[in-house]
Amino acid sequence: MAASTRSCCFSSAGVLGSLVVADAATNIQATILWVAIAAGIIVAAALIGGFRGWRIELRLDDSGVTIGNIFRTHRIGWREVDRFVRTCQRLKAGEAAPGRSTR
């Protein structure tokens, strides 16, 4: 009778052991899935950002100035342009560019 009890304990330990292994395999699969999803999102963002990056432009033509940023394009007619100023100084917060007021 003692032998059958002992074999019962071994078989239940075997079942519990297989459940732990199955649970670990499920966790690994879930981790791989989330890593793949995150990698896909990163690749998609890089492709979209790279494509949008090609849109950056500064165009001067007869109609005015066109500034193409990543998300928007700004068009300024020549009547709105007062002058172009070349500056290399860094401005502090609240400071106006040379020739500009801080309104």
Protein backbone atom coordinates (compact mmCIF):
# COMPACT_ATOMS: atom_id res chain seq x y z
CA MET A 1 0.00 0.00 0.00
CA ALA A 2 2.85 2.35 0.70
CA ALA A 3 4.18 1.79 -2.80
CA SER A 4 0.94 2.96 -4.40
CA THR A 5 0.89 6.11 -2.29
CA ARG A 6 4.44 6.86 -3.27
CA SER A 7 3.69 6.43 -6.98
CA CYS A 8 0.65 8.71 -6.59
CA CYS A 9 2.85 11.43 -5.16
CA PHE A 10 5.33 11.05 -7.99
CA SER A 11 2.59 11.20 -10.60
CA SER A 12 1.05 14.33 -9.07
CA ALA A 13 4.49 15.94 -8.93
CA GLY A 14 4.91 15.04 -12.58
CA VAL A 15 1.60 16.73 -13.45
CA LEU A 16 2.49 19.84 -11.46
CA GLY A 17 5.90 19.91 -13.08
CA SER A 18 4.38 19.71 -16.54
CA LEU A 19 1.95 22.52 -15.66
CA VAL A 20 4.83 24.73 -14.59
CA VAL A 21 6.70 23.96 -17.84
CA ALA A 22 3.55 24.63 -19.91
CA ASP A 23 2.98 27.91 -18.05
CA ALA A 24 6.60 28.95 -18.69
CA ALA A 25 6.24 28.12 -22.39
CA THR A 26 3.08 30.25 -22.56
CA ASN A 27 4.89 33.14 -20.87
CA ILE A 28 7.76 32.87 -23.34
CA GLN A 29 5.35 32.85 -26.27
CA ALA A 30 3.50 35.87 -24.87
CA THR A 31 6.80 37.71 -24.36
CA ILE A 32 7.89 36.94 -27.93
CA LEU A 33 4.53 38.18 -29.21
CA TRP A 34 4.83 41.49 -27.31
CA VAL A 35 8.42 41.97 -28.45
CA ALA A 36 7.34 41.37 -32.06
CA ILE A 37 4.48 43.87 -31.71
CA ALA A 38 6.80 46.49 -30.18
CA ALA A 39 9.38 45.93 -32.92
CA GLY A 40 6.66 46.33 -35.56
CA ILE A 41 5.52 49.61 -34.03
CA ILE A 42 9.10 50.91 -33.90
CA VAL A 43 9.75 49.95 -37.53
CA ALA A 44 6.47 51.54 -38.65
CA ALA A 45 7.27 54.77 -36.78
CA ALA A 46 10.76 54.86 -38.29
CA LEU A 47 9.40 54.37 -41.80
CA ILE A 48 6.74 57.05 -41.36
CA GLY A 49 9.25 59.45 -39.79
CA GLY A 50 11.76 58.80 -42.57
CA PHE A 51 9.14 59.36 -45.25
CA ARG A 52 7.92 62.57 -43.62
CA GLY A 53 11.52 63.72 -43.17
CA TRP A 54 11.92 63.92 -46.94
CA ARG A 55 9.27 66.68 -46.96
CA ILE A 56 11.45 69.22 -45.12
CA GLU A 57 12.11 72.08 -47.52
CA LEU A 58 12.64 75.79 -47.90
CA ARG A 59 11.46 77.04 -51.28
CA LEU A 60 11.73 80.61 -52.60
CA ASP A 61 9.75 81.28 -55.76
CA ASP A 62 7.67 84.02 -57.39
CA SER A 63 4.71 83.48 -55.06
CA GLY A 64 6.77 83.75 -51.82
CA VAL A 65 8.43 81.51 -49.29
CA THR A 66 7.33 77.93 -48.66
CA ILE A 67 8.58 76.20 -45.52
CA GLY A 68 7.85 72.49 -45.44
CA ASN A 69 8.14 70.92 -42.00
CA ILE A 70 7.52 67.32 -41.03
CA PHE A 71 3.84 67.84 -40.20
CA ARG A 72 2.82 71.12 -41.87
CA THR A 73 3.68 73.32 -44.81
CA HIS A 74 3.73 77.10 -44.27
CA ARG A 75 3.37 79.48 -47.21
CA ILE A 76 4.30 83.15 -46.79
CA GLY A 77 3.68 85.65 -49.58
CA TRP A 78 6.32 88.21 -50.51
CA ARG A 79 4.11 91.00 -49.17
CA GLU A 80 4.43 89.50 -45.68
CA VAL A 81 8.23 89.23 -45.83
CA ASP A 82 10.01 92.26 -44.40
CA ARG A 83 13.59 90.98 -44.51
CA PHE A 84 15.80 87.96 -43.97
CA VAL A 85 18.16 88.01 -41.00
CA ARG A 86 21.07 85.67 -40.61
CA THR A 87 21.94 85.04 -36.99
CA CYS A 88 23.97 82.46 -35.14
CA GLN A 89 23.21 83.51 -31.59
CA ARG A 90 21.17 81.34 -29.29
CA LEU A 91 18.17 83.04 -27.76
CA LYS A 92 17.12 82.59 -24.15
CA ALA A 93 13.52 81.97 -23.17
CA GLY A 94 11.42 85.11 -23.70
CA GLU A 95 14.13 86.88 -25.70
CA ALA A 96 13.28 88.21 -29.15
CA ALA A 97 15.33 87.68 -32.29
CA PRO A 98 17.27 90.69 -33.52
CA GLY A 99 14.88 93.18 -35.09
CA ARG A 100 11.81 91.60 -33.45
CA SER A 101 9.71 92.67 -30.49
CA THR A 102 8.57 90.32 -27.72
CA ARG A 103 4.82 90.70 -28.22
